[in-house]
Amino acid sequence: MSEAGKIRYLRENLGLRRTEFGLKIGCTYRQVERMEEDPASISEELRRKICSEYGVSEEWFLEDSEEPQLEENSEMRRKRLKGILEESGMSQREFGKCTHTSAALLNEVLSGKQQLTIKCAKKIEASLGIGADWLLYGDEDAKEYPLSDALIKYMKKHPEIRKEIHERMEADALLDGGEAEDT
């Protein structure tokens, strides 16, 4: 499998769309599309970002092996999902019903037979307010009050709230002695 094919395989294995995959590594949909078609478009720096963000080794890109080494990330995802399930006090069936996922799928993920996909993580995020980025990648800053699709949709409809947030960001940056981050 070519390096470009491996990027596509990795993205699909993680259940990510090109936009979602690219967001984590600072790339657009088009750039991810190009990477999946043309291995020459993949720089060494970009390869390192992909490896770091998605938990695969650089050797995997350079060797003839087909399967990426995702076991450690998959195990961490299972642990986070299991923890959320236990904290909820619900059975797998109740949890599945609450999050609009099937108990069978949850069982497959918890047993390691299937990966936790972004689609499933987003359903949990929407139902329980547990960040999909935390479930999938362990991003502790994204666990509570996630930047969900619903929040983004809400923010688009309320420019006054966006303005307030931007003002707070600028004020915080001034207090920190730096400049506000570009958003």
N, C-alpha and C. Protein backbone atom coordinates (compact mmCIF):
# COMPACT_ATOMS: atom_id res chain seq x y z
N MET A 1 0.85 -1.17 0.00
CA MET A 1 0.00 0.00 0.00
C MET A 1 0.90 1.23 0.00
N SER A 2 0.59 2.20 -0.85
CA SER A 2 1.38 3.42 -0.93
C SER A 2 1.13 4.29 0.30
N GLU A 3 2.00 5.27 0.48
CA GLU A 3 1.84 6.21 1.59
C GLU A 3 0.50 6.94 1.48
N ALA A 4 0.12 7.31 0.27
CA ALA A 4 -1.17 7.97 0.05
C ALA A 4 -2.32 7.02 0.42
N GLY A 5 -2.20 5.78 0.03
CA GLY A 5 -3.21 4.78 0.36
C GLY A 5 -3.31 4.55 1.86
N LYS A 6 -2.18 4.64 2.54
CA LYS A 6 -2.18 4.46 3.99
C LYS A 6 -2.90 5.61 4.69
N ILE A 7 -2.74 6.82 4.16
CA ILE A 7 -3.45 7.96 4.77
C ILE A 7 -4.95 7.76 4.62
N ARG A 8 -5.36 7.37 3.46
CA ARG A 8 -6.80 7.11 3.25
C ARG A 8 -7.28 5.98 4.16
N TYR A 9 -6.49 4.91 4.22
CA TYR A 9 -6.84 3.77 5.07
C TYR A 9 -6.98 4.22 6.53
N LEU A 10 -6.03 4.99 7.00
CA LEU A 10 -6.05 5.48 8.38
C LEU A 10 -7.28 6.34 8.62
N ARG A 11 -7.54 7.29 7.73
CA ARG A 11 -8.69 8.18 7.88
C ARG A 11 -9.99 7.40 7.92
N GLU A 12 -10.14 6.46 6.99
CA GLU A 12 -11.37 5.67 6.94
C GLU A 12 -11.50 4.75 8.15
N ASN A 13 -10.36 4.19 8.59
CA ASN A 13 -10.35 3.31 9.76
C ASN A 13 -10.80 4.06 11.01
N LEU A 14 -10.46 5.33 11.07
CA LEU A 14 -10.85 6.15 12.22
C LEU A 14 -12.27 6.71 12.07
N GLY A 15 -12.88 6.47 10.91
CA GLY A 15 -14.24 6.94 10.69
C GLY A 15 -14.34 8.44 10.50
N LEU A 16 -13.29 9.05 9.93
CA LEU A 16 -13.25 10.50 9.76
C LEU A 16 -13.47 10.92 8.31
N ARG A 17 -14.16 12.02 8.14
CA ARG A 17 -14.26 12.64 6.82
C ARG A 17 -12.96 13.39 6.58
N ARG A 18 -12.71 13.74 5.33
CA ARG A 18 -11.46 14.43 5.01
C ARG A 18 -11.33 15.74 5.78
N THR A 19 -12.41 16.48 5.91
CA THR A 19 -12.37 17.75 6.64
C THR A 19 -12.00 17.51 8.10
N GLU A 20 -12.62 16.51 8.72
CA GLU A 20 -12.37 16.20 10.13
C GLU A 20 -10.93 15.73 10.33
N PHE A 21 -10.45 14.88 9.43
CA PHE A 21 -9.08 14.38 9.50
C PHE A 21 -8.10 15.53 9.37
N GLY A 22 -8.33 16.41 8.42
CA GLY A 22 -7.43 17.53 8.16
C GLY A 22 -7.41 18.55 9.27
N LEU A 23 -8.53 18.75 9.93
CA LEU A 23 -8.63 19.74 11.00
C LEU A 23 -7.59 19.50 12.09
N LYS A 24 -7.36 18.25 12.45
CA LYS A 24 -6.42 17.90 13.51
C LYS A 24 -4.96 18.13 13.13
N ILE A 25 -4.70 18.19 11.82
CA ILE A 25 -3.31 18.34 11.37
C ILE A 25 -3.10 19.65 10.61
N GLY A 26 -4.10 20.51 10.64
CA GLY A 26 -3.96 21.82 10.01
C GLY A 26 -4.08 21.80 8.50
N CYS A 27 -4.88 20.88 7.97
CA CYS A 27 -5.04 20.78 6.52
C CYS A 27 -6.51 20.94 6.14
N THR A 28 -6.73 21.35 4.91
CA THR A 28 -8.08 21.49 4.38
C THR A 28 -8.53 20.16 3.76
N TYR A 29 -9.80 20.10 3.43
CA TYR A 29 -10.35 18.94 2.71
C TYR A 29 -9.53 18.65 1.46
N ARG A 30 -9.26 19.69 0.68
CA ARG A 30 -8.52 19.53 -0.58
C ARG A 30 -7.11 18.99 -0.35
N GLN A 31 -6.45 19.48 0.70
CA GLN A 31 -5.09 19.00 0.99
C GLN A 31 -5.11 17.52 1.36
N VAL A 32 -6.10 17.10 2.14
CA VAL A 32 -6.20 15.68 2.50
C VAL A 32 -6.50 14.87 1.24
N GLU A 33 -7.40 15.37 0.41
CA GLU A 33 -7.71 14.69 -0.84
C GLU A 33 -6.44 14.51 -1.68
N ARG A 34 -5.64 15.57 -1.77
CA ARG A 34 -4.39 15.52 -2.54
C ARG A 34 -3.42 14.49 -1.94
N MET A 35 -3.33 14.47 -0.60
CA MET A 35 -2.44 13.50 0.07
C MET A 35 -2.84 12.07 -0.26
N GLU A 36 -4.16 11.84 -0.33
CA GLU A 36 -4.66 10.49 -0.59
C GLU A 36 -4.46 10.06 -2.04
N GLU A 37 -4.18 11.02 -2.91
CA GLU A 37 -3.99 10.71 -4.33
C GLU A 37 -2.53 10.79 -4.76
N ASP A 38 -1.75 11.64 -4.09
CA ASP A 38 -0.38 11.90 -4.53
C ASP A 38 0.59 11.85 -3.34
N PRO A 39 1.35 10.76 -3.20
CA PRO A 39 2.28 10.67 -2.07
C PRO A 39 3.34 11.77 -2.06
N ALA A 40 3.60 12.39 -3.20
CA ALA A 40 4.60 13.47 -3.26
C ALA A 40 4.13 14.71 -2.50
N SER A 41 2.82 14.80 -2.25
CA SER A 41 2.29 15.98 -1.53
C SER A 41 2.43 15.86 -0.02
N ILE A 42 2.98 14.74 0.46
CA ILE A 42 3.10 14.50 1.90
C ILE A 42 4.53 14.82 2.35
N SER A 43 4.67 15.93 3.03
CA SER A 43 6.00 16.33 3.51
C SER A 43 6.35 15.53 4.77
N GLU A 44 7.61 15.57 5.10
CA GLU A 44 8.07 14.88 6.32
C GLU A 44 7.41 15.48 7.55
N GLU A 45 7.28 16.81 7.58
CA GLU A 45 6.63 17.48 8.71
C GLU A 45 5.17 17.06 8.84
N LEU A 46 4.48 16.97 7.71
CA LEU A 46 3.08 16.56 7.71
C LEU A 46 2.94 15.10 8.17
N ARG A 47 3.85 14.26 7.72
CA ARG A 47 3.85 12.86 8.14
C ARG A 47 4.00 12.78 9.66
N ARG A 48 4.90 13.59 10.23
CA ARG A 48 5.09 13.60 11.69
C ARG A 48 3.82 14.05 12.41
N LYS A 49 3.16 15.08 11.86
CA LYS A 49 1.91 15.55 12.47
C LYS A 49 0.86 14.45 12.48
N ILE A 50 0.73 13.76 11.35
CA ILE A 50 -0.26 12.68 11.24
C ILE A 50 0.06 11.59 12.26
N CYS A 51 1.32 11.21 12.34
CA CYS A 51 1.72 10.17 13.28
C CYS A 51 1.45 10.58 14.72
N SER A 52 1.79 11.80 15.06
CA SER A 52 1.59 12.30 16.40
C SER A 52 0.11 12.41 16.74
N GLU A 53 -0.66 12.96 15.85
CA GLU A 53 -2.08 13.21 16.12
C GLU A 53 -2.91 11.94 16.14
N TYR A 54 -2.56 10.98 15.26
CA TYR A 54 -3.39 9.79 15.12
C TYR A 54 -2.74 8.52 15.66
N GLY A 55 -1.60 8.66 16.31
CA GLY A 55 -1.01 7.53 17.03
C GLY A 55 -0.49 6.40 16.18
N VAL A 56 0.09 6.70 15.03
CA VAL A 56 0.73 5.67 14.22
C VAL A 56 2.22 5.97 14.13
N SER A 57 3.00 4.95 13.87
CA SER A 57 4.44 5.15 13.80
C SER A 57 4.84 5.59 12.39
N GLU A 58 5.92 6.38 12.32
CA GLU A 58 6.42 6.80 11.01
C GLU A 58 6.89 5.59 10.21
N GLU A 59 7.37 4.57 10.90
CA GLU A 59 7.82 3.36 10.22
C GLU A 59 6.68 2.74 9.41
N TRP A 60 5.46 2.84 9.94
CA TRP A 60 4.30 2.27 9.24
C TRP A 60 4.17 2.87 7.84
N PHE A 61 4.44 4.18 7.72
CA PHE A 61 4.34 4.83 6.42
C PHE A 61 5.43 4.33 5.47
N LEU A 62 6.57 3.99 6.02
CA LEU A 62 7.71 3.66 5.19
C LEU A 62 7.85 2.16 4.91
N GLU A 63 7.19 1.33 5.71
CA GLU A 63 7.27 -0.13 5.54
C GLU A 63 6.13 -0.62 4.66
N ASP A 64 6.21 -1.91 4.32
CA ASP A 64 5.18 -2.52 3.48
C ASP A 64 3.98 -3.03 4.28
N SER A 65 3.98 -2.84 5.58
CA SER A 65 2.88 -3.36 6.39
C SER A 65 1.57 -2.68 6.02
N GLU A 66 0.49 -3.41 6.15
CA GLU A 66 -0.82 -2.90 5.77
C GLU A 66 -1.55 -2.23 6.94
N GLU A 67 -1.49 -2.81 8.11
CA GLU A 67 -2.26 -2.34 9.25
C GLU A 67 -1.49 -1.33 10.09
N PRO A 68 -2.09 -0.18 10.40
CA PRO A 68 -1.42 0.75 11.31
C PRO A 68 -1.48 0.22 12.74
N GLN A 69 -0.59 0.68 13.56
CA GLN A 69 -0.57 0.26 14.95
C GLN A 69 -1.45 1.19 15.77
N LEU A 70 -2.76 0.90 15.82
CA LEU A 70 -3.70 1.75 16.53
C LEU A 70 -4.13 1.16 17.87
N GLU A 71 -3.57 0.00 18.23
CA GLU A 71 -4.05 -0.69 19.42
C GLU A 71 -4.02 0.20 20.66
N GLU A 72 -2.93 0.93 20.88
CA GLU A 72 -2.83 1.75 22.08
C GLU A 72 -3.92 2.81 22.10
N ASN A 73 -4.14 3.51 20.99
CA ASN A 73 -5.21 4.51 20.92
C ASN A 73 -6.57 3.86 21.08
N SER A 74 -6.78 2.72 20.44
CA SER A 74 -8.05 2.03 20.54
C SER A 74 -8.31 1.63 21.98
N GLU A 75 -7.29 1.16 22.65
CA GLU A 75 -7.43 0.75 24.05
C GLU A 75 -7.79 1.95 24.93
N MET A 76 -7.15 3.08 24.68
CA MET A 76 -7.45 4.28 25.46
C MET A 76 -8.88 4.75 25.19
N ARG A 77 -9.32 4.66 23.95
CA ARG A 77 -10.70 5.03 23.62
C ARG A 77 -11.68 4.13 24.36
N ARG A 78 -11.38 2.83 24.34
CA ARG A 78 -12.25 1.88 25.05
C ARG A 78 -12.31 2.21 26.53
N LYS A 79 -11.16 2.55 27.12
CA LYS A 79 -11.15 2.89 28.54
C LYS A 79 -11.97 4.13 28.82
N ARG A 80 -11.85 5.14 27.97
CA ARG A 80 -12.63 6.36 28.17
C ARG A 80 -14.12 6.08 28.02
N LEU A 81 -14.49 5.30 27.00
CA LEU A 81 -15.89 4.96 26.79
C LEU A 81 -16.42 4.14 27.96
N LYS A 82 -15.64 3.17 28.40
CA LYS A 82 -16.05 2.33 29.53
C LYS A 82 -16.24 3.19 30.78
N GLY A 83 -15.34 4.14 31.01
CA GLY A 83 -15.45 5.03 32.15
C GLY A 83 -16.73 5.85 32.11
N ILE A 84 -17.06 6.39 30.93
CA ILE A 84 -18.28 7.17 30.77
C ILE A 84 -19.50 6.29 31.00
N LEU A 85 -19.47 5.09 30.48
CA LEU A 85 -20.58 4.15 30.68
C LEU A 85 -20.77 3.86 32.16
N GLU A 86 -19.67 3.58 32.87
CA GLU A 86 -19.74 3.29 34.31
C GLU A 86 -20.23 4.51 35.09
N GLU A 87 -19.71 5.69 34.76
CA GLU A 87 -20.13 6.92 35.45
C GLU A 87 -21.61 7.20 35.25
N SER A 88 -22.14 6.82 34.09
CA SER A 88 -23.55 7.09 33.80
C SER A 88 -24.48 6.23 34.65
N GLY A 89 -23.98 5.07 35.10
CA GLY A 89 -24.81 4.15 35.87
C GLY A 89 -25.84 3.42 35.01
N MET A 90 -25.73 3.54 33.71
CA MET A 90 -26.68 2.89 32.80
C MET A 90 -26.13 1.56 32.32
N SER A 91 -27.04 0.69 31.92
CA SER A 91 -26.63 -0.54 31.26
C SER A 91 -26.20 -0.17 29.84
N GLN A 92 -25.54 -1.10 29.14
CA GLN A 92 -25.16 -0.82 27.75
C GLN A 92 -26.39 -0.53 26.91
N ARG A 93 -27.46 -1.25 27.18
CA ARG A 93 -28.70 -1.05 26.43
C ARG A 93 -29.26 0.35 26.68
N GLU A 94 -29.33 0.76 27.94
CA GLU A 94 -29.83 2.09 28.28
C GLU A 94 -28.93 3.18 27.70
N PHE A 95 -27.61 2.96 27.80
CA PHE A 95 -26.64 3.92 27.28
C PHE A 95 -26.83 4.06 25.77
N GLY A 96 -26.99 2.92 25.09
CA GLY A 96 -27.20 2.93 23.65
C GLY A 96 -28.45 3.69 23.27
N LYS A 97 -29.51 3.45 24.01
CA LYS A 97 -30.78 4.14 23.74
C LYS A 97 -30.63 5.65 23.95
N CYS A 98 -29.99 6.02 25.05
CA CYS A 98 -29.79 7.43 25.39
C CYS A 98 -28.94 8.15 24.35
N THR A 99 -27.94 7.47 23.81
CA THR A 99 -27.01 8.09 22.87
C THR A 99 -27.32 7.77 21.41
N HIS A 100 -28.41 7.10 21.17
CA HIS A 100 -28.84 6.75 19.81
C HIS A 100 -27.81 5.88 19.09
N THR A 101 -27.19 4.99 19.86
CA THR A 101 -26.30 3.97 19.30
C THR A 101 -26.82 2.63 19.76
N SER A 102 -26.43 1.57 19.11
CA SER A 102 -26.95 0.26 19.51
C SER A 102 -26.08 -0.34 20.61
N ALA A 103 -26.72 -1.13 21.46
CA ALA A 103 -25.99 -1.83 22.52
C ALA A 103 -25.00 -2.81 21.89
N ALA A 104 -25.36 -3.39 20.75
CA ALA A 104 -24.46 -4.32 20.07
C ALA A 104 -23.19 -3.61 19.61
N LEU A 105 -23.33 -2.39 19.06
CA LEU A 105 -22.16 -1.61 18.63
C LEU A 105 -21.30 -1.26 19.84
N LEU A 106 -21.92 -0.81 20.91
CA LEU A 106 -21.16 -0.49 22.13
C LEU A 106 -20.39 -1.70 22.61
N ASN A 107 -21.02 -2.86 22.59
CA ASN A 107 -20.36 -4.09 23.01
C ASN A 107 -19.17 -4.41 22.11
N GLU A 108 -19.33 -4.21 20.81
CA GLU A 108 -18.24 -4.45 19.85
C GLU A 108 -17.05 -3.52 20.13
N VAL A 109 -17.36 -2.25 20.40
CA VAL A 109 -16.31 -1.28 20.68
C VAL A 109 -15.63 -1.62 22.01
N LEU A 110 -16.42 -1.88 23.03
CA LEU A 110 -15.86 -2.17 24.36
C LEU A 110 -15.05 -3.46 24.38
N SER A 111 -15.40 -4.41 23.52
CA SER A 111 -14.65 -5.67 23.47
C SER A 111 -13.43 -5.58 22.55
N GLY A 112 -13.28 -4.45 21.84
CA GLY A 112 -12.13 -4.27 20.96
C GLY A 112 -12.31 -4.84 19.58
N LYS A 113 -13.50 -5.30 19.25
CA LYS A 113 -13.75 -5.87 17.93
C LYS A 113 -13.99 -4.80 16.88
N GLN A 114 -14.35 -3.61 17.34
CA GLN A 114 -14.61 -2.51 16.43
C GLN A 114 -14.05 -1.22 17.03
N GLN A 115 -13.70 -0.27 16.16
CA GLN A 115 -13.17 1.02 16.58
C GLN A 115 -14.31 1.95 16.97
N LEU A 116 -14.06 2.83 17.92
CA LEU A 116 -14.99 3.91 18.22
C LEU A 116 -14.84 4.93 17.10
N THR A 117 -15.90 5.14 16.35
CA THR A 117 -15.84 6.07 15.22
C THR A 117 -16.24 7.47 15.66
N ILE A 118 -15.91 8.43 14.84
CA ILE A 118 -16.29 9.81 15.15
C ILE A 118 -17.80 9.95 15.14
N LYS A 119 -18.49 9.21 14.29
CA LYS A 119 -19.95 9.27 14.23
C LYS A 119 -20.55 8.84 15.57
N CYS A 120 -20.06 7.75 16.11
CA CYS A 120 -20.54 7.27 17.41
C CYS A 120 -20.16 8.25 18.51
N ALA A 121 -18.93 8.74 18.48
CA ALA A 121 -18.47 9.70 19.51
C ALA A 121 -19.30 10.98 19.46
N LYS A 122 -19.67 11.42 18.26
CA LYS A 122 -20.48 12.64 18.14
C LYS A 122 -21.89 12.42 18.67
N LYS A 123 -22.42 11.21 18.52
CA LYS A 123 -23.73 10.90 19.09
C LYS A 123 -23.67 10.97 20.62
N ILE A 124 -22.60 10.45 21.19
CA ILE A 124 -22.42 10.50 22.64
C ILE A 124 -22.26 11.95 23.07
N GLU A 125 -21.48 12.70 22.33
CA GLU A 125 -21.29 14.13 22.62
C GLU A 125 -22.62 14.87 22.63
N ALA A 126 -23.43 14.65 21.60
CA ALA A 126 -24.71 15.35 21.49
C ALA A 126 -25.68 14.95 22.60
N SER A 127 -25.63 13.70 23.02
CA SER A 127 -26.58 13.21 24.03
C SER A 127 -26.14 13.50 25.46
N LEU A 128 -24.85 13.39 25.72
CA LEU A 128 -24.36 13.47 27.10
C LEU A 128 -23.48 14.68 27.39
N GLY A 129 -23.11 15.43 26.34
CA GLY A 129 -22.24 16.58 26.56
C GLY A 129 -20.81 16.21 26.86
N ILE A 130 -20.41 15.01 26.48
CA ILE A 130 -19.03 14.53 26.64
C ILE A 130 -18.34 14.74 25.30
N GLY A 131 -17.25 15.47 25.27
CA GLY A 131 -16.60 15.82 24.02
C GLY A 131 -16.11 14.65 23.20
N ALA A 132 -16.46 14.67 21.91
CA ALA A 132 -16.00 13.62 20.99
C ALA A 132 -14.47 13.63 20.89
N ASP A 133 -13.86 14.81 20.91
CA ASP A 133 -12.39 14.89 20.84
C ASP A 133 -11.75 14.24 22.06
N TRP A 134 -12.40 14.33 23.20
CA TRP A 134 -11.87 13.67 24.39
C TRP A 134 -12.03 12.15 24.24
N LEU A 135 -13.20 11.70 23.82
CA LEU A 135 -13.43 10.26 23.65
C LEU A 135 -12.45 9.66 22.65
N LEU A 136 -12.24 10.35 21.53
CA LEU A 136 -11.41 9.80 20.47
C LEU A 136 -9.91 10.00 20.68
N TYR A 137 -9.53 11.18 21.20
CA TYR A 137 -8.11 11.52 21.23
C TYR A 137 -7.57 11.84 22.61
N GLY A 138 -8.43 11.82 23.62
CA GLY A 138 -7.97 12.09 24.98
C GLY A 138 -7.70 13.55 25.26
N ASP A 139 -8.26 14.46 24.45
CA ASP A 139 -8.05 15.89 24.64
C ASP A 139 -8.84 16.35 25.87
N GLU A 140 -8.15 16.45 27.01
CA GLU A 140 -8.80 16.78 28.28
C GLU A 140 -9.52 18.12 28.24
N ASP A 141 -9.00 19.08 27.48
CA ASP A 141 -9.64 20.39 27.38
C ASP A 141 -11.00 20.31 26.67
N ALA A 142 -11.25 19.23 25.96
CA ALA A 142 -12.48 19.10 25.19
C ALA A 142 -13.49 18.16 25.84
N LYS A 143 -13.20 17.68 27.05
CA LYS A 143 -14.10 16.71 27.67
C LYS A 143 -15.44 17.34 28.03
N GLU A 144 -15.42 18.45 28.74
CA GLU A 144 -16.65 19.10 29.17
C GLU A 144 -16.92 20.33 28.31
N TYR A 145 -18.16 20.64 28.13
CA TYR A 145 -18.59 21.77 27.32
C TYR A 145 -17.91 21.72 25.93
N PRO A 146 -18.12 20.62 25.22
CA PRO A 146 -17.42 20.44 23.94
C PRO A 146 -17.85 21.44 22.88
N LEU A 147 -16.95 21.66 21.95
CA LEU A 147 -17.25 22.50 20.79
C LEU A 147 -18.01 21.64 19.78
N SER A 148 -19.21 21.28 20.15
CA SER A 148 -20.03 20.37 19.35
C SER A 148 -20.61 21.06 18.13
N ASP A 149 -21.13 20.24 17.23
CA ASP A 149 -21.79 20.79 16.05
C ASP A 149 -22.98 21.67 16.46
N ALA A 150 -23.69 21.25 17.51
CA ALA A 150 -24.84 22.03 17.99
C ALA A 150 -24.39 23.39 18.52
N LEU A 151 -23.26 23.42 19.25
CA LEU A 151 -22.76 24.68 19.78
C LEU A 151 -22.33 25.61 18.64
N ILE A 152 -21.65 25.06 17.67
CA ILE A 152 -21.19 25.86 16.53
C ILE A 152 -22.40 26.42 15.77
N LYS A 153 -23.41 25.60 15.57
CA LYS A 153 -24.63 26.06 14.90
C LYS A 153 -25.29 27.19 15.69
N TYR A 154 -25.33 27.02 17.00
CA TYR A 154 -25.91 28.04 17.87
C TYR A 154 -25.12 29.34 17.79
N MET A 155 -23.80 29.21 17.84
CA MET A 155 -22.94 30.40 17.79
C MET A 155 -23.10 31.15 16.47
N LYS A 156 -23.31 30.44 15.39
CA LYS A 156 -23.51 31.10 14.10
C LYS A 156 -24.77 31.96 14.11
N LYS A 157 -25.75 31.54 14.87
CA LYS A 157 -27.02 32.28 14.93
C LYS A 157 -26.99 33.43 15.94
N HIS A 158 -25.94 33.50 16.75
CA HIS A 158 -25.87 34.51 17.80
C HIS A 158 -24.54 35.27 17.75
N PRO A 159 -24.45 36.24 16.84
CA PRO A 159 -23.20 37.00 16.70
C PRO A 159 -22.83 37.79 17.96
N GLU A 160 -23.82 38.16 18.76
CA GLU A 160 -23.52 38.91 19.99
C GLU A 160 -22.69 38.06 20.97
N ILE A 161 -22.94 36.76 20.99
CA ILE A 161 -22.16 35.87 21.86
C ILE A 161 -20.75 35.70 21.29
N ARG A 162 -20.66 35.55 19.98
CA ARG A 162 -19.34 35.45 19.35
C ARG A 162 -18.53 36.70 19.63
N LYS A 163 -19.18 37.85 19.55
CA LYS A 163 -18.49 39.11 19.81
C LYS A 163 -17.95 39.12 21.25
N GLU A 164 -18.78 38.72 22.19
CA GLU A 164 -18.35 38.69 23.59
C GLU A 164 -17.16 37.75 23.79
N ILE A 165 -17.20 36.62 23.15
CA ILE A 165 -16.08 35.66 23.26
C ILE A 165 -14.82 36.26 22.67
N HIS A 166 -14.93 36.88 21.51
CA HIS A 166 -13.76 37.51 20.90
C HIS A 166 -13.18 38.61 21.80
N GLU A 167 -14.05 39.38 22.40
CA GLU A 167 -13.59 40.44 23.31
C GLU A 167 -12.87 39.83 24.52
N ARG A 168 -13.41 38.75 25.05
CA ARG A 168 -12.76 38.08 26.18
C ARG A 168 -11.39 37.50 25.78
N MET A 169 -11.33 36.95 24.58
CA MET A 169 -10.06 36.40 24.10
C MET A 169 -9.01 37.50 23.99
N GLU A 170 -9.41 38.63 23.44
CA GLU A 170 -8.49 39.76 23.29
C GLU A 170 -8.04 40.27 24.66
N ALA A 171 -8.98 40.36 25.60
CA ALA A 171 -8.64 40.82 26.94
C ALA A 171 -7.68 39.84 27.62
N ASP A 172 -7.94 38.55 27.48
CA ASP A 172 -7.06 37.53 28.06
C ASP A 172 -5.66 37.60 27.45
N ALA A 173 -5.62 37.81 26.13
CA ALA A 173 -4.33 37.90 25.46
C ALA A 173 -3.54 39.10 25.97
N LEU A 174 -4.22 40.21 26.20
CA LEU A 174 -3.54 41.41 26.72
C LEU A 174 -3.03 41.15 28.14
N LEU A 175 -3.82 40.46 28.95
CA LEU A 175 -3.39 40.14 30.31
C LEU A 175 -2.18 39.21 30.31
N ASP A 176 -2.15 38.31 29.32
CA ASP A 176 -1.04 37.37 29.20
C ASP A 176 0.17 38.00 28.53
N GLY A 177 0.01 39.23 28.05
CA GLY A 177 1.13 39.91 27.40
C GLY A 177 1.32 39.51 25.96
N GLY A 178 0.38 38.76 25.40
CA GLY A 178 0.51 38.33 24.01
C GLY A 178 -0.61 38.88 23.18
N GLU A 179 -0.74 38.35 22.01
CA GLU A 179 -1.81 38.78 21.11
C GLU A 179 -2.86 37.69 21.07
N ALA A 180 -4.09 38.06 20.77
CA ALA A 180 -5.18 37.09 20.66
C ALA A 180 -4.87 36.11 19.54
N GLU A 181 -5.24 34.86 19.76
CA GLU A 181 -5.02 33.85 18.74
C GLU A 181 -5.96 34.07 17.58
N ASP A 182 -5.49 33.75 16.38
CA ASP A 182 -6.37 33.78 15.22
C ASP A 182 -7.35 32.64 15.33
N THR A 183 -8.60 32.89 15.01
CA THR A 183 -9.61 31.84 15.04
C THR A 183 -10.24 31.66 13.70
